[in-house]
Amino acid sequence: MADISTIHGGTVPGEPDADVIEDLERLLAQARRGSLTGFAYAAIHLDGTKATGWSGVAGTRDPLAAGISILQARYTRALIEGA
């Protein structure tokens, strides 16, 4: 069987991604402290399926919508700039 190597610092498909784990653990710690009151997510699974969702306490609907709009703008800019 051939060795699989990554390019551009990527991970081997099916292996955990340290950056994803770090981000999720940071958010989970904030939620457990009570400082994270709402969040939205978009996730891609290994098989290509997508998952989206949101959760939050009362009063986070409008701020969360604003955050989603900001994320969309930031992500679009990153795609255009090739980041």
N, C-alpha and C. Protein backbone atom coordinates (compact mmCIF):
# COMPACT_ATOMS: atom_id res chain seq x y z
N MET A 1 0.84 -1.17 0.00
CA MET A 1 0.00 0.00 0.00
C MET A 1 0.89 1.24 0.00
N ALA A 2 0.53 2.23 -0.77
CA ALA A 2 1.32 3.44 -0.88
C ALA A 2 1.14 4.32 0.35
N ASP A 3 2.20 5.06 0.68
CA ASP A 3 2.09 6.04 1.76
C ASP A 3 1.34 7.25 1.23
N ILE A 4 0.45 7.77 2.06
CA ILE A 4 -0.30 8.97 1.70
C ILE A 4 0.32 10.14 2.43
N SER A 5 0.68 11.16 1.68
CA SER A 5 1.25 12.35 2.31
C SER A 5 0.40 13.56 1.94
N THR A 6 0.53 14.59 2.72
CA THR A 6 -0.28 15.78 2.51
C THR A 6 0.53 16.86 1.82
N ILE A 7 -0.18 17.79 1.21
CA ILE A 7 0.47 18.96 0.63
C ILE A 7 -0.11 20.20 1.30
N HIS A 8 0.65 21.24 1.32
CA HIS A 8 0.21 22.52 1.88
C HIS A 8 -0.27 22.39 3.32
N GLY A 9 0.33 21.50 4.10
CA GLY A 9 -0.01 21.38 5.50
C GLY A 9 -1.35 20.74 5.79
N GLY A 10 -1.93 20.07 4.83
CA GLY A 10 -3.23 19.44 5.03
C GLY A 10 -3.13 18.21 5.89
N THR A 11 -4.25 17.57 6.13
CA THR A 11 -4.27 16.32 6.89
C THR A 11 -4.66 15.19 5.96
N VAL A 12 -4.31 14.00 6.36
CA VAL A 12 -4.68 12.81 5.60
C VAL A 12 -6.18 12.60 5.81
N PRO A 13 -6.94 12.35 4.74
CA PRO A 13 -8.38 12.13 4.89
C PRO A 13 -8.67 11.05 5.93
N GLY A 14 -9.60 11.33 6.82
CA GLY A 14 -9.96 10.39 7.87
C GLY A 14 -9.18 10.58 9.16
N GLU A 15 -8.11 11.38 9.13
CA GLU A 15 -7.34 11.67 10.33
C GLU A 15 -7.87 12.94 10.98
N PRO A 16 -7.82 13.04 12.30
CA PRO A 16 -8.30 14.25 12.98
C PRO A 16 -7.51 15.48 12.56
N ASP A 17 -8.18 16.62 12.47
CA ASP A 17 -7.55 17.88 12.14
C ASP A 17 -7.34 18.66 13.44
N ALA A 18 -6.11 18.92 13.80
CA ALA A 18 -5.79 19.57 15.07
C ALA A 18 -6.44 20.95 15.19
N ASP A 19 -6.52 21.71 14.11
CA ASP A 19 -7.13 23.03 14.16
C ASP A 19 -8.62 22.95 14.45
N VAL A 20 -9.31 21.99 13.83
CA VAL A 20 -10.74 21.81 14.07
C VAL A 20 -10.97 21.42 15.53
N ILE A 21 -10.17 20.49 16.02
CA ILE A 21 -10.31 20.05 17.41
C ILE A 21 -10.05 21.21 18.37
N GLU A 22 -9.01 21.99 18.11
CA GLU A 22 -8.69 23.13 18.97
C GLU A 22 -9.83 24.15 19.01
N ASP A 23 -10.40 24.47 17.84
CA ASP A 23 -11.51 25.42 17.79
C ASP A 23 -12.73 24.90 18.55
N LEU A 24 -13.07 23.63 18.34
CA LEU A 24 -14.22 23.06 19.03
C LEU A 24 -14.02 23.00 20.54
N GLU A 25 -12.82 22.64 20.97
CA GLU A 25 -12.53 22.58 22.41
C GLU A 25 -12.57 23.97 23.04
N ARG A 26 -12.10 24.99 22.33
CA ARG A 26 -12.15 26.37 22.83
C ARG A 26 -13.60 26.81 23.00
N LEU A 27 -14.43 26.55 21.99
CA LEU A 27 -15.84 26.92 22.07
C LEU A 27 -16.56 26.14 23.17
N LEU A 28 -16.25 24.87 23.31
CA LEU A 28 -16.87 24.06 24.36
C LEU A 28 -16.49 24.59 25.74
N ALA A 29 -15.25 24.97 25.93
CA ALA A 29 -14.81 25.53 27.22
C ALA A 29 -15.55 26.83 27.51
N GLN A 30 -15.73 27.66 26.49
CA GLN A 30 -16.47 28.91 26.68
C GLN A 30 -17.92 28.63 27.05
N ALA A 31 -18.53 27.65 26.41
CA ALA A 31 -19.92 27.29 26.71
C ALA A 31 -20.03 26.76 28.14
N ARG A 32 -19.08 25.97 28.56
CA ARG A 32 -19.12 25.42 29.92
C ARG A 32 -18.94 26.50 30.97
N ARG A 33 -18.19 27.56 30.65
CA ARG A 33 -18.02 28.70 31.57
C ARG A 33 -19.24 29.61 31.56
N GLY A 34 -20.10 29.46 30.55
CA GLY A 34 -21.27 30.32 30.45
C GLY A 34 -21.03 31.58 29.65
N SER A 35 -19.84 31.73 29.09
CA SER A 35 -19.54 32.96 28.33
C SER A 35 -19.98 32.86 26.87
N LEU A 36 -20.21 31.68 26.36
CA LEU A 36 -20.73 31.49 25.00
C LEU A 36 -22.23 31.30 25.11
N THR A 37 -22.99 32.23 24.57
CA THR A 37 -24.45 32.18 24.73
C THR A 37 -25.18 31.80 23.45
N GLY A 38 -24.48 31.72 22.33
CA GLY A 38 -25.08 31.31 21.08
C GLY A 38 -24.00 31.01 20.07
N PHE A 39 -24.30 30.14 19.12
CA PHE A 39 -23.36 29.87 18.04
C PHE A 39 -24.09 29.26 16.85
N ALA A 40 -23.45 29.38 15.70
CA ALA A 40 -23.95 28.78 14.47
C ALA A 40 -22.80 28.00 13.85
N TYR A 41 -23.13 26.99 13.09
CA TYR A 41 -22.05 26.19 12.50
C TYR A 41 -22.42 25.70 11.11
N ALA A 42 -21.38 25.44 10.36
CA ALA A 42 -21.48 24.73 9.08
C ALA A 42 -20.33 23.73 9.11
N ALA A 43 -20.62 22.47 8.88
CA ALA A 43 -19.61 21.43 8.96
C ALA A 43 -19.64 20.55 7.72
N ILE A 44 -18.48 20.04 7.37
CA ILE A 44 -18.36 19.12 6.24
C ILE A 44 -17.82 17.80 6.79
N HIS A 45 -18.49 16.72 6.48
CA HIS A 45 -18.06 15.40 6.93
C HIS A 45 -17.18 14.75 5.87
N LEU A 46 -16.45 13.73 6.29
CA LEU A 46 -15.52 13.03 5.40
C LEU A 46 -16.20 12.54 4.14
N ASP A 47 -17.45 12.11 4.24
CA ASP A 47 -18.16 11.60 3.07
C ASP A 47 -18.78 12.71 2.21
N GLY A 48 -18.52 13.98 2.59
CA GLY A 48 -19.01 15.10 1.80
C GLY A 48 -20.35 15.66 2.25
N THR A 49 -21.00 14.98 3.18
CA THR A 49 -22.27 15.52 3.66
C THR A 49 -22.02 16.80 4.47
N LYS A 50 -23.02 17.66 4.45
CA LYS A 50 -22.91 18.94 5.14
C LYS A 50 -23.87 18.95 6.32
N ALA A 51 -23.50 19.70 7.34
CA ALA A 51 -24.36 19.89 8.50
C ALA A 51 -24.35 21.38 8.84
N THR A 52 -25.50 21.91 9.14
CA THR A 52 -25.60 23.30 9.56
C THR A 52 -26.55 23.39 10.74
N GLY A 53 -26.39 24.43 11.53
CA GLY A 53 -27.29 24.59 12.65
C GLY A 53 -26.91 25.79 13.49
N TRP A 54 -27.70 26.02 14.52
CA TRP A 54 -27.43 27.10 15.46
C TRP A 54 -28.12 26.76 16.77
N SER A 55 -27.66 27.42 17.79
CA SER A 55 -28.23 27.24 19.11
C SER A 55 -27.92 28.49 19.91
N GLY A 56 -28.82 28.85 20.81
CA GLY A 56 -28.55 30.02 21.62
C GLY A 56 -29.63 30.28 22.64
N VAL A 57 -29.26 31.04 23.66
CA VAL A 57 -30.21 31.43 24.69
C VAL A 57 -31.09 32.55 24.15
N ALA A 58 -32.16 32.83 24.88
CA ALA A 58 -33.08 33.90 24.48
C ALA A 58 -32.31 35.21 24.29
N GLY A 59 -32.65 35.93 23.23
CA GLY A 59 -32.02 37.21 22.96
C GLY A 59 -30.80 37.16 22.06
N THR A 60 -30.42 35.96 21.61
CA THR A 60 -29.22 35.87 20.75
C THR A 60 -29.55 35.78 19.27
N ARG A 61 -30.83 35.76 18.91
CA ARG A 61 -31.21 35.57 17.51
C ARG A 61 -30.65 36.68 16.61
N ASP A 62 -30.88 37.93 16.93
CA ASP A 62 -30.39 39.02 16.08
C ASP A 62 -28.87 39.14 16.09
N PRO A 63 -28.21 39.09 17.25
CA PRO A 63 -26.74 39.14 17.22
C PRO A 63 -26.14 37.96 16.46
N LEU A 64 -26.76 36.80 16.57
CA LEU A 64 -26.26 35.63 15.85
C LEU A 64 -26.41 35.82 14.35
N ALA A 65 -27.53 36.38 13.92
CA ALA A 65 -27.73 36.66 12.49
C ALA A 65 -26.67 37.62 11.98
N ALA A 66 -26.34 38.63 12.78
CA ALA A 66 -25.29 39.57 12.38
C ALA A 66 -23.94 38.86 12.27
N GLY A 67 -23.66 37.97 13.22
CA GLY A 67 -22.41 37.22 13.18
C GLY A 67 -22.31 36.32 11.96
N ILE A 68 -23.42 35.69 11.58
CA ILE A 68 -23.45 34.84 10.38
C ILE A 68 -23.17 35.68 9.14
N SER A 69 -23.73 36.87 9.07
CA SER A 69 -23.48 37.77 7.92
C SER A 69 -22.02 38.18 7.85
N ILE A 70 -21.44 38.47 9.00
CA ILE A 70 -20.02 38.84 9.05
C ILE A 70 -19.16 37.67 8.60
N LEU A 71 -19.49 36.47 9.07
CA LEU A 71 -18.75 35.28 8.67
C LEU A 71 -18.83 35.06 7.17
N GLN A 72 -20.00 35.24 6.60
CA GLN A 72 -20.15 35.07 5.15
C GLN A 72 -19.25 36.04 4.40
N ALA A 73 -19.21 37.29 4.84
CA ALA A 73 -18.36 38.29 4.19
C ALA A 73 -16.88 37.93 4.34
N ARG A 74 -16.48 37.52 5.55
CA ARG A 74 -15.08 37.15 5.78
C ARG A 74 -14.69 35.94 4.94
N TYR A 75 -15.57 34.93 4.88
CA TYR A 75 -15.27 33.71 4.14
C TYR A 75 -15.18 34.00 2.64
N THR A 76 -16.09 34.81 2.14
CA THR A 76 -16.06 35.19 0.73
C THR A 76 -14.77 35.93 0.40
N ARG A 77 -14.37 36.85 1.27
CA ARG A 77 -13.12 37.58 1.05
C ARG A 77 -11.93 36.63 1.03
N ALA A 78 -11.90 35.66 1.95
CA ALA A 78 -10.81 34.70 1.98
C ALA A 78 -10.77 33.88 0.70
N LEU A 79 -11.92 33.50 0.17
CA LEU A 79 -11.95 32.76 -1.08
C LEU A 79 -11.40 33.60 -2.24
N ILE A 80 -11.80 34.85 -2.29
CA ILE A 80 -11.35 35.74 -3.36
C ILE A 80 -9.85 35.98 -3.27
N GLU A 81 -9.35 36.17 -2.04
CA GLU A 81 -7.94 36.47 -1.84
C GLU A 81 -7.07 35.21 -1.87
N GLY A 82 -7.71 34.05 -1.93
CA GLY A 82 -6.95 32.80 -2.01
C GLY A 82 -6.36 32.34 -0.69
N ALA A 83 -6.95 32.80 0.39
CA ALA A 83 -6.42 32.41 1.72
C ALA A 83 -6.92 31.04 2.12
